[in-house]
């Protein structure tokens, strides 16, 4: 798997650089102070500030490394999820294609016209007659009439029976659900 090199997040870069620059200036000042006065209170005060800068840099770098590990972990999970999705789509495609063929065969056995087949498929997908009319660029009344014709040719009473006709064999029998 390919590793992604992430740049330093800006929220860490600026404080880290600032602390490093402060440390450099304090070290220069400590050198100057030592050459002038030796070990005086001012020298030890600046030494404490330098130590705090160093501790700050350590904490920022630690936080950065933790964040980087989290990002890498999320990228790995995302890659795995993408691979799972591709696998699932490929696996389900053959079943969906097979189901589509069976549905089309049933539409043919009901002697549905090409337009009625389209409408029946859209009804199975759950679209309303208004949505179907919009897609097919026709009036909703025309879609209702065609749907009635579909139900009559299929010898069913409506949309629910149309969906049930195809879903019934996909689901477990009722007695298995009651156990």
N, C-alpha and C. Protein backbone atom coordinates (compact mmCIF):
# COMPACT_ATOMS: atom_id res chain seq x y z
N UNK A 1 0.83 -1.17 0.00
CA UNK A 1 0.00 0.00 0.00
C UNK A 1 0.88 1.24 0.00
N UNK A 2 0.44 2.25 -0.72
CA UNK A 2 1.22 3.48 -0.91
C UNK A 2 1.06 4.39 0.30
N UNK A 3 2.17 4.83 0.86
CA UNK A 3 2.13 5.78 1.98
C UNK A 3 2.05 7.19 1.44
N UNK A 4 1.28 8.00 2.10
CA UNK A 4 1.14 9.40 1.70
C UNK A 4 1.94 10.25 2.68
N UNK A 5 2.87 11.04 2.17
CA UNK A 5 3.62 11.95 3.02
C UNK A 5 2.81 13.22 3.19
N UNK A 6 2.40 13.44 4.42
CA UNK A 6 1.59 14.61 4.71
C UNK A 6 2.49 15.77 5.12
N UNK A 7 2.23 16.97 4.62
CA UNK A 7 2.99 18.12 5.08
C UNK A 7 2.60 18.44 6.52
N UNK A 8 3.46 19.19 7.19
CA UNK A 8 3.13 19.60 8.56
C UNK A 8 1.86 20.45 8.55
N UNK A 9 0.93 20.13 9.44
CA UNK A 9 -0.25 20.99 9.51
C UNK A 9 0.17 22.39 9.96
N UNK A 10 -0.45 23.41 9.38
CA UNK A 10 -0.07 24.79 9.66
C UNK A 10 -0.22 25.14 11.14
N UNK A 11 -1.20 24.53 11.81
CA UNK A 11 -1.41 24.87 13.22
C UNK A 11 -0.24 24.40 14.09
N UNK A 12 0.59 23.48 13.60
CA UNK A 12 1.76 23.03 14.34
C UNK A 12 3.04 23.69 13.84
N UNK A 13 3.09 24.02 12.58
CA UNK A 13 4.30 24.55 11.97
C UNK A 13 4.70 25.90 12.58
N UNK A 14 3.78 26.82 12.64
CA UNK A 14 4.10 28.17 13.11
C UNK A 14 4.55 28.16 14.57
N UNK A 15 3.80 27.51 15.50
CA UNK A 15 4.30 27.50 16.90
C UNK A 15 5.65 26.78 17.04
N UNK A 16 5.86 25.71 16.28
CA UNK A 16 7.12 24.97 16.37
C UNK A 16 8.28 25.85 15.91
N UNK A 17 8.12 26.51 14.78
CA UNK A 17 9.18 27.40 14.28
C UNK A 17 9.42 28.55 15.27
N UNK A 18 8.33 29.09 15.82
CA UNK A 18 8.48 30.19 16.79
C UNK A 18 9.25 29.74 18.02
N UNK A 19 8.92 28.53 18.52
CA UNK A 19 9.64 28.04 19.70
C UNK A 19 11.11 27.75 19.39
N UNK A 20 11.38 27.21 18.22
CA UNK A 20 12.77 26.94 17.83
C UNK A 20 13.55 28.25 17.71
N UNK A 21 12.94 29.27 17.06
CA UNK A 21 13.62 30.57 16.93
C UNK A 21 13.85 31.20 18.30
N UNK A 22 12.83 31.08 19.17
CA UNK A 22 13.01 31.62 20.53
C UNK A 22 14.18 30.91 21.21
N UNK A 23 14.25 29.60 21.05
CA UNK A 23 15.34 28.84 21.65
C UNK A 23 16.69 29.29 21.13
N UNK A 24 16.78 29.52 19.82
CA UNK A 24 18.05 29.97 19.23
C UNK A 24 18.44 31.34 19.80
N UNK A 25 17.48 32.25 19.87
CA UNK A 25 17.78 33.59 20.41
C UNK A 25 18.16 33.51 21.88
N UNK A 26 17.50 32.64 22.62
CA UNK A 26 17.82 32.51 24.05
C UNK A 26 19.22 31.92 24.22
N UNK A 27 19.57 30.93 23.39
CA UNK A 27 20.92 30.35 23.47
C UNK A 27 21.97 31.42 23.16
N UNK A 28 21.71 32.23 22.14
CA UNK A 28 22.65 33.31 21.80
C UNK A 28 22.75 34.31 22.96
N UNK A 29 21.59 34.62 23.55
CA UNK A 29 21.60 35.57 24.67
C UNK A 29 22.30 34.96 25.90
N UNK A 30 22.08 33.66 26.12
CA UNK A 30 22.75 33.00 27.24
C UNK A 30 24.27 33.04 27.06
N UNK A 31 24.72 32.82 25.84
CA UNK A 31 26.16 32.87 25.56
C UNK A 31 26.70 34.27 25.87
N UNK A 32 25.97 35.28 25.43
CA UNK A 32 26.39 36.66 25.67
C UNK A 32 26.38 36.96 27.17
N UNK A 33 25.26 36.55 27.85
CA UNK A 33 25.16 36.80 29.30
C UNK A 33 26.26 36.09 30.08
N UNK A 34 26.57 34.87 29.67
CA UNK A 34 27.61 34.12 30.37
C UNK A 34 28.98 34.80 30.20
N UNK A 35 29.22 35.28 28.98
CA UNK A 35 30.49 35.96 28.73
C UNK A 35 30.58 37.26 29.53
N UNK A 36 29.45 37.92 29.78
CA UNK A 36 29.45 39.20 30.48
C UNK A 36 29.45 39.02 32.00
N UNK A 37 28.50 38.21 32.50
CA UNK A 37 28.29 38.14 33.97
C UNK A 37 28.54 36.77 34.57
N UNK A 38 28.68 35.76 33.77
CA UNK A 38 28.80 34.41 34.33
C UNK A 38 27.41 33.87 34.67
N UNK A 39 27.34 33.12 35.76
CA UNK A 39 26.08 32.49 36.15
C UNK A 39 25.31 33.39 37.10
N UNK A 40 24.58 34.33 36.59
CA UNK A 40 23.77 35.21 37.43
C UNK A 40 22.30 34.81 37.38
N UNK A 41 21.43 35.51 38.13
CA UNK A 41 19.98 35.18 38.13
C UNK A 41 19.36 35.34 36.74
N UNK A 42 19.83 36.34 36.02
CA UNK A 42 19.31 36.56 34.66
C UNK A 42 19.63 35.34 33.78
N UNK A 43 20.82 34.80 33.93
CA UNK A 43 21.25 33.65 33.15
C UNK A 43 20.34 32.44 33.44
N UNK A 44 20.08 32.19 34.73
CA UNK A 44 19.24 31.04 35.10
C UNK A 44 17.78 31.25 34.69
N UNK A 45 17.30 32.47 34.72
CA UNK A 45 15.94 32.77 34.26
C UNK A 45 15.78 32.43 32.77
N UNK A 46 16.78 32.85 32.01
CA UNK A 46 16.73 32.54 30.57
C UNK A 46 16.93 31.05 30.31
N UNK A 47 17.68 30.39 31.15
CA UNK A 47 17.87 28.94 31.02
C UNK A 47 16.54 28.21 31.24
N UNK A 48 15.77 28.70 32.20
CA UNK A 48 14.44 28.12 32.46
C UNK A 48 13.54 28.35 31.25
N UNK A 49 13.58 29.55 30.69
CA UNK A 49 12.76 29.85 29.50
C UNK A 49 13.18 28.95 28.34
N UNK A 50 14.47 28.72 28.18
CA UNK A 50 14.96 27.82 27.13
C UNK A 50 14.45 26.40 27.35
N UNK A 51 14.47 25.94 28.59
CA UNK A 51 13.97 24.60 28.90
C UNK A 51 12.47 24.50 28.57
N UNK A 52 11.73 25.57 28.88
CA UNK A 52 10.29 25.57 28.58
C UNK A 52 10.05 25.55 27.07
N UNK A 53 10.87 26.28 26.32
CA UNK A 53 10.77 26.25 24.85
C UNK A 53 11.03 24.84 24.34
N UNK A 54 12.05 24.19 24.88
CA UNK A 54 12.37 22.83 24.46
C UNK A 54 11.21 21.88 24.77
N UNK A 55 10.65 22.01 25.96
CA UNK A 55 9.51 21.17 26.34
C UNK A 55 8.32 21.44 25.40
N UNK A 56 8.11 22.71 25.06
CA UNK A 56 7.02 23.05 24.13
C UNK A 56 7.22 22.40 22.77
N UNK A 57 8.45 22.44 22.27
CA UNK A 57 8.75 21.82 20.97
C UNK A 57 8.50 20.31 21.06
N UNK A 58 8.92 19.69 22.15
CA UNK A 58 8.72 18.25 22.32
C UNK A 58 7.23 17.93 22.30
N UNK A 59 6.42 18.69 23.02
CA UNK A 59 4.98 18.43 23.04
C UNK A 59 4.33 18.66 21.68
N UNK A 60 4.75 19.70 20.99
CA UNK A 60 4.20 19.95 19.66
C UNK A 60 4.57 18.84 18.67
N UNK A 61 5.81 18.39 18.71
CA UNK A 61 6.23 17.31 17.82
C UNK A 61 5.49 16.03 18.17
N UNK A 62 5.32 15.77 19.46
CA UNK A 62 4.57 14.58 19.89
C UNK A 62 3.13 14.65 19.37
N UNK A 63 2.48 15.80 19.53
CA UNK A 63 1.10 15.96 19.04
C UNK A 63 1.04 15.79 17.53
N UNK A 64 2.05 16.31 16.85
CA UNK A 64 2.11 16.17 15.39
C UNK A 64 2.24 14.71 14.98
N UNK A 65 3.08 13.97 15.67
CA UNK A 65 3.26 12.55 15.35
C UNK A 65 1.98 11.76 15.61
N UNK A 66 1.29 12.08 16.69
CA UNK A 66 0.01 11.41 16.98
C UNK A 66 -0.99 11.71 15.89
N UNK A 67 -1.08 12.98 15.50
CA UNK A 67 -2.02 13.35 14.43
C UNK A 67 -1.65 12.67 13.12
N UNK A 68 -0.37 12.59 12.83
CA UNK A 68 0.07 11.95 11.59
C UNK A 68 -0.31 10.47 11.59
N UNK A 69 -0.13 9.79 12.74
CA UNK A 69 -0.53 8.38 12.84
C UNK A 69 -2.04 8.22 12.66
N UNK A 70 -2.81 9.14 13.23
CA UNK A 70 -4.27 9.09 13.07
C UNK A 70 -4.65 9.25 11.60
N UNK A 71 -4.01 10.18 10.92
CA UNK A 71 -4.29 10.41 9.49
C UNK A 71 -3.94 9.17 8.68
N UNK A 72 -2.78 8.59 8.95
CA UNK A 72 -2.37 7.39 8.23
C UNK A 72 -3.33 6.24 8.48
N UNK A 73 -3.78 6.12 9.73
CA UNK A 73 -4.75 5.07 10.07
C UNK A 73 -6.07 5.28 9.33
N UNK A 74 -6.53 6.52 9.28
CA UNK A 74 -7.77 6.82 8.55
C UNK A 74 -7.60 6.58 7.06
N UNK A 75 -6.43 6.92 6.51
CA UNK A 75 -6.18 6.67 5.09
C UNK A 75 -6.18 5.17 4.79
N UNK A 76 -5.60 4.39 5.68
CA UNK A 76 -5.59 2.94 5.51
C UNK A 76 -7.01 2.40 5.57
N UNK A 77 -7.79 2.87 6.54
CA UNK A 77 -9.17 2.41 6.66
C UNK A 77 -9.98 2.83 5.43
N UNK A 78 -9.77 4.04 4.95
CA UNK A 78 -10.46 4.51 3.76
C UNK A 78 -10.12 3.63 2.55
N UNK A 79 -8.85 3.31 2.40
CA UNK A 79 -8.42 2.45 1.29
C UNK A 79 -9.07 1.07 1.40
N UNK A 80 -9.10 0.51 2.61
CA UNK A 80 -9.74 -0.79 2.83
C UNK A 80 -11.22 -0.71 2.52
N UNK A 81 -11.87 0.35 2.99
CA UNK A 81 -13.30 0.51 2.73
C UNK A 81 -13.57 0.66 1.24
N UNK A 82 -12.71 1.37 0.53
CA UNK A 82 -12.88 1.51 -0.92
C UNK A 82 -12.76 0.16 -1.62
N UNK A 83 -11.77 -0.63 -1.19
CA UNK A 83 -11.59 -1.96 -1.77
C UNK A 83 -12.81 -2.84 -1.47
N UNK A 84 -13.32 -2.76 -0.23
CA UNK A 84 -14.52 -3.52 0.12
C UNK A 84 -15.71 -3.10 -0.73
N UNK A 85 -15.86 -1.79 -0.96
CA UNK A 85 -16.96 -1.29 -1.77
C UNK A 85 -16.86 -1.79 -3.20
N UNK A 86 -15.67 -1.73 -3.76
CA UNK A 86 -15.47 -2.23 -5.13
C UNK A 86 -15.80 -3.72 -5.19
N UNK A 87 -15.32 -4.47 -4.21
CA UNK A 87 -15.60 -5.91 -4.17
C UNK A 87 -17.11 -6.16 -4.07
N UNK A 88 -17.77 -5.43 -3.17
CA UNK A 88 -19.21 -5.59 -2.98
C UNK A 88 -19.96 -5.24 -4.26
N UNK A 89 -19.58 -4.14 -4.91
CA UNK A 89 -20.24 -3.75 -6.16
C UNK A 89 -20.06 -4.83 -7.22
N UNK A 90 -18.85 -5.36 -7.34
CA UNK A 90 -18.60 -6.41 -8.33
C UNK A 90 -19.40 -7.67 -8.02
N UNK A 91 -19.45 -8.05 -6.75
CA UNK A 91 -20.20 -9.24 -6.35
C UNK A 91 -21.70 -9.05 -6.58
N UNK A 92 -22.20 -7.89 -6.19
CA UNK A 92 -23.65 -7.67 -6.29
C UNK A 92 -24.09 -7.42 -7.73
N UNK A 93 -23.17 -6.96 -8.58
CA UNK A 93 -23.53 -6.65 -9.97
C UNK A 93 -24.09 -7.87 -10.69
N UNK A 94 -23.47 -9.01 -10.49
CA UNK A 94 -23.96 -10.20 -11.19
C UNK A 94 -25.37 -10.58 -10.72
N UNK A 95 -25.66 -10.35 -9.43
CA UNK A 95 -27.00 -10.65 -8.92
C UNK A 95 -28.01 -9.62 -9.42
N UNK A 96 -27.59 -8.36 -9.42
CA UNK A 96 -28.48 -7.30 -9.90
C UNK A 96 -28.77 -7.48 -11.38
N UNK A 97 -27.72 -7.81 -12.15
CA UNK A 97 -27.93 -8.07 -13.59
C UNK A 97 -28.88 -9.24 -13.79
N UNK A 98 -28.69 -10.29 -13.00
CA UNK A 98 -29.57 -11.45 -13.10
C UNK A 98 -31.00 -11.11 -12.73
N UNK A 99 -31.16 -10.31 -11.67
CA UNK A 99 -32.50 -9.90 -11.25
C UNK A 99 -33.15 -9.03 -12.32
N UNK A 100 -32.38 -8.14 -12.91
CA UNK A 100 -32.90 -7.28 -13.98
C UNK A 100 -33.38 -8.11 -15.16
N UNK A 101 -32.64 -9.15 -15.49
CA UNK A 101 -33.04 -10.03 -16.60
C UNK A 101 -34.33 -10.76 -16.27
N UNK A 102 -34.45 -11.25 -15.03
CA UNK A 102 -35.67 -11.96 -14.62
C UNK A 102 -36.86 -11.01 -14.65
N UNK A 103 -36.67 -9.79 -14.17
CA UNK A 103 -37.75 -8.80 -14.18
C UNK A 103 -38.16 -8.51 -15.62
N UNK A 104 -37.18 -8.32 -16.50
CA UNK A 104 -37.48 -8.05 -17.91
C UNK A 104 -38.22 -9.22 -18.56
N UNK A 105 -37.83 -10.44 -18.23
CA UNK A 105 -38.53 -11.62 -18.76
C UNK A 105 -39.99 -11.64 -18.29
N UNK A 106 -40.19 -11.26 -17.02
CA UNK A 106 -41.56 -11.24 -16.50
C UNK A 106 -42.37 -10.15 -17.20
N UNK A 107 -41.76 -8.99 -17.41
CA UNK A 107 -42.44 -7.92 -18.14
C UNK A 107 -42.83 -8.40 -19.54
N UNK A 108 -41.93 -9.15 -20.19
CA UNK A 108 -42.23 -9.69 -21.52
C UNK A 108 -43.40 -10.68 -21.46
N UNK A 109 -43.42 -11.49 -20.42
CA UNK A 109 -44.51 -12.47 -20.31
C UNK A 109 -45.85 -11.78 -20.04
N UNK A 110 -45.82 -10.61 -19.47
CA UNK A 110 -47.05 -9.83 -19.26
C UNK A 110 -47.41 -9.03 -20.51
N UNK A 111 -46.56 -9.09 -21.53
CA UNK A 111 -46.76 -8.37 -22.80
C UNK A 111 -46.79 -6.85 -22.60
N UNK A 112 -45.88 -6.36 -21.75
CA UNK A 112 -45.79 -4.91 -21.53
C UNK A 112 -45.07 -4.27 -22.71
N UNK A 113 -45.53 -3.09 -23.09
CA UNK A 113 -44.85 -2.33 -24.15
C UNK A 113 -43.54 -1.78 -23.58
N UNK A 114 -42.62 -1.32 -24.44
CA UNK A 114 -41.37 -0.75 -23.94
C UNK A 114 -41.60 0.41 -22.95
N UNK A 115 -42.58 1.26 -23.24
CA UNK A 115 -42.90 2.37 -22.33
C UNK A 115 -43.43 1.86 -21.00
N UNK A 116 -44.28 0.84 -21.05
CA UNK A 116 -44.83 0.27 -19.82
C UNK A 116 -43.72 -0.39 -18.99
N UNK A 117 -42.77 -1.03 -19.69
CA UNK A 117 -41.63 -1.63 -18.98
C UNK A 117 -40.84 -0.56 -18.20
N UNK A 118 -40.60 0.56 -18.87
CA UNK A 118 -39.87 1.65 -18.21
C UNK A 118 -40.63 2.14 -16.98
N UNK A 119 -41.92 2.33 -17.16
CA UNK A 119 -42.73 2.84 -16.05
C UNK A 119 -42.78 1.81 -14.93
N UNK A 120 -42.97 0.54 -15.27
CA UNK A 120 -43.01 -0.51 -14.24
C UNK A 120 -41.69 -0.54 -13.47
N UNK A 121 -40.57 -0.40 -14.16
CA UNK A 121 -39.27 -0.41 -13.49
C UNK A 121 -39.15 0.78 -12.54
N UNK A 122 -39.61 1.95 -12.99
CA UNK A 122 -39.56 3.14 -12.13
C UNK A 122 -40.49 3.00 -10.94
N UNK A 123 -41.64 2.35 -11.14
CA UNK A 123 -42.54 2.08 -10.01
C UNK A 123 -41.87 1.14 -9.01
N UNK A 124 -41.17 0.12 -9.52
CA UNK A 124 -40.45 -0.80 -8.64
C UNK A 124 -39.36 -0.09 -7.85
N UNK A 125 -38.76 0.91 -8.46
CA UNK A 125 -37.71 1.67 -7.78
C UNK A 125 -38.27 2.63 -6.74
N UNK A 126 -39.62 2.77 -6.71
CA UNK A 126 -40.24 3.58 -5.67
C UNK A 126 -40.54 5.01 -6.06
N UNK A 127 -40.42 5.36 -7.33
CA UNK A 127 -40.71 6.72 -7.75
C UNK A 127 -42.22 6.95 -7.75
N UNK A 128 -42.62 8.18 -7.47
CA UNK A 128 -44.03 8.54 -7.51
C UNK A 128 -44.44 8.77 -8.96
N UNK A 129 -45.76 8.78 -9.18
CA UNK A 129 -46.24 9.03 -10.55
C UNK A 129 -45.83 10.42 -11.01
N UNK A 130 -45.78 11.36 -10.11
CA UNK A 130 -45.34 12.72 -10.46
C UNK A 130 -43.87 12.71 -10.89
N UNK A 131 -43.02 11.99 -10.15
CA UNK A 131 -41.60 11.91 -10.51
C UNK A 131 -41.41 11.21 -11.86
N UNK A 132 -42.18 10.14 -12.07
CA UNK A 132 -42.08 9.42 -13.34
C UNK A 132 -42.53 10.32 -14.49
N UNK A 133 -43.61 11.06 -14.29
CA UNK A 133 -44.10 11.98 -15.32
C UNK A 133 -43.03 13.01 -15.66
N UNK A 134 -42.35 13.50 -14.65
CA UNK A 134 -41.28 14.49 -14.86
C UNK A 134 -40.13 13.88 -15.66
N UNK A 135 -39.74 12.67 -15.29
CA UNK A 135 -38.64 11.99 -16.00
C UNK A 135 -39.00 11.73 -17.45
N UNK A 136 -40.24 11.29 -17.67
CA UNK A 136 -40.66 10.91 -19.01
C UNK A 136 -41.24 12.08 -19.80
N UNK A 137 -41.24 13.24 -19.16
CA UNK A 137 -41.72 14.46 -19.82
C UNK A 137 -43.16 14.30 -20.35
N UNK A 138 -44.03 13.84 -19.46
CA UNK A 138 -45.43 13.64 -19.81
C UNK A 138 -46.30 14.04 -18.62
N UNK A 139 -47.59 13.90 -18.76
CA UNK A 139 -48.52 14.27 -17.69
C UNK A 139 -48.64 13.13 -16.69
N UNK A 140 -48.90 13.50 -15.46
CA UNK A 140 -49.06 12.51 -14.39
C UNK A 140 -50.26 11.60 -14.68
N UNK A 141 -51.30 12.15 -15.26
CA UNK A 141 -52.49 11.36 -15.59
C UNK A 141 -52.13 10.24 -16.57
N UNK A 142 -51.26 10.52 -17.53
CA UNK A 142 -50.82 9.51 -18.49
C UNK A 142 -50.08 8.38 -17.77
N UNK A 143 -49.24 8.73 -16.83
CA UNK A 143 -48.49 7.72 -16.06
C UNK A 143 -49.44 6.86 -15.26
N UNK A 144 -50.45 7.49 -14.62
CA UNK A 144 -51.43 6.72 -13.85
C UNK A 144 -52.18 5.74 -14.76
N UNK A 145 -52.54 6.19 -15.95
CA UNK A 145 -53.24 5.31 -16.89
C UNK A 145 -52.36 4.14 -17.31
N UNK A 146 -51.08 4.44 -17.60
CA UNK A 146 -50.16 3.38 -17.99
C UNK A 146 -49.92 2.41 -16.82
N UNK A 147 -49.85 2.93 -15.61
CA UNK A 147 -49.67 2.07 -14.43
C UNK A 147 -50.88 1.15 -14.27
N UNK A 148 -52.07 1.69 -14.48
CA UNK A 148 -53.29 0.87 -14.40
C UNK A 148 -53.25 -0.23 -15.45
N UNK A 149 -52.79 0.09 -16.65
CA UNK A 149 -52.66 -0.90 -17.72
C UNK A 149 -51.64 -1.99 -17.32
N UNK A 150 -50.55 -1.59 -16.70
CA UNK A 150 -49.52 -2.55 -16.25
C UNK A 150 -50.13 -3.50 -15.22
N UNK A 151 -50.84 -2.95 -14.24
CA UNK A 151 -51.43 -3.76 -13.18
C UNK A 151 -52.46 -4.74 -13.76
N UNK A 152 -53.20 -4.27 -14.75
CA UNK A 152 -54.22 -5.13 -15.38
C UNK A 152 -53.55 -6.27 -16.14
N UNK A 153 -52.51 -5.97 -16.93
CA UNK A 153 -51.82 -7.01 -17.69
C UNK A 153 -51.14 -8.02 -16.75
N UNK A 154 -50.66 -7.55 -15.60
CA UNK A 154 -49.97 -8.42 -14.64
C UNK A 154 -50.94 -9.12 -13.71
N UNK A 155 -52.21 -8.74 -13.79
CA UNK A 155 -53.26 -9.32 -12.93
C UNK A 155 -52.94 -9.08 -11.45
N UNK A 156 -52.55 -7.84 -11.15
CA UNK A 156 -52.27 -7.43 -9.77
C UNK A 156 -53.06 -6.16 -9.50
N UNK A 157 -53.17 -5.81 -8.21
CA UNK A 157 -54.03 -4.68 -7.86
C UNK A 157 -53.31 -3.34 -7.76
N UNK A 158 -52.00 -3.33 -7.66
CA UNK A 158 -51.33 -2.03 -7.54
C UNK A 158 -49.83 -2.15 -7.34
N UNK A 159 -49.24 -1.02 -7.00
CA UNK A 159 -47.80 -0.89 -6.84
C UNK A 159 -47.24 -1.87 -5.80
N UNK A 160 -47.94 -2.01 -4.67
CA UNK A 160 -47.45 -2.90 -3.62
C UNK A 160 -47.37 -4.35 -4.11
N UNK A 161 -48.40 -4.79 -4.83
CA UNK A 161 -48.37 -6.16 -5.36
C UNK A 161 -47.30 -6.31 -6.44
N UNK A 162 -47.05 -5.25 -7.20
CA UNK A 162 -46.00 -5.30 -8.20
C UNK A 162 -44.65 -5.53 -7.52
N UNK A 163 -44.38 -4.77 -6.49
CA UNK A 163 -43.12 -4.94 -5.75
C UNK A 163 -43.07 -6.30 -5.08
N UNK A 164 -44.18 -6.71 -4.47
CA UNK A 164 -44.23 -7.99 -3.77
C UNK A 164 -44.01 -9.15 -4.73
N UNK A 165 -44.50 -9.02 -5.95
CA UNK A 165 -44.34 -10.08 -6.95
C UNK A 165 -42.87 -10.43 -7.12
N UNK A 166 -42.01 -9.41 -7.15
CA UNK A 166 -40.58 -9.65 -7.39
C UNK A 166 -39.81 -9.88 -6.09
N UNK A 167 -40.26 -9.30 -5.01
CA UNK A 167 -39.53 -9.43 -3.74
C UNK A 167 -39.85 -10.72 -3.00
N UNK A 168 -41.01 -11.28 -3.23
CA UNK A 168 -41.46 -12.43 -2.47
C UNK A 168 -40.44 -13.57 -2.48
N UNK A 169 -39.89 -13.87 -3.63
CA UNK A 169 -38.94 -14.98 -3.73
C UNK A 169 -37.55 -14.62 -3.20
N UNK A 170 -37.28 -13.34 -3.03
CA UNK A 170 -35.96 -12.93 -2.52
C UNK A 170 -35.88 -13.03 -1.01
N UNK A 171 -37.03 -12.99 -0.35
CA UNK A 171 -37.06 -12.99 1.10
C UNK A 171 -37.31 -14.39 1.64
N UNK A 172 -36.90 -14.60 2.89
CA UNK A 172 -37.13 -15.90 3.53
C UNK A 172 -38.63 -16.13 3.68
N UNK A 173 -39.04 -17.39 3.64
CA UNK A 173 -40.45 -17.67 3.86
C UNK A 173 -40.91 -17.16 5.23
N UNK A 174 -42.18 -16.86 5.35
CA UNK A 174 -42.73 -16.29 6.57
C UNK A 174 -42.51 -17.18 7.76
N UNK A 175 -42.65 -18.50 7.62
CA UNK A 175 -42.49 -19.39 8.77
C UNK A 175 -41.06 -19.37 9.31
N UNK A 176 -40.07 -19.10 8.47
CA UNK A 176 -38.68 -18.97 8.96
C UNK A 176 -38.51 -17.71 9.79
N UNK A 177 -39.27 -16.68 9.49
CA UNK A 177 -39.17 -15.42 10.21
C UNK A 177 -39.82 -15.51 11.59
N UNK A 178 -40.79 -16.39 11.73
CA UNK A 178 -41.52 -16.52 12.99
C UNK A 178 -40.79 -17.37 14.02
N UNK A 179 -39.83 -18.16 13.58
CA UNK A 179 -39.13 -19.08 14.49
C UNK A 179 -38.18 -18.33 15.37
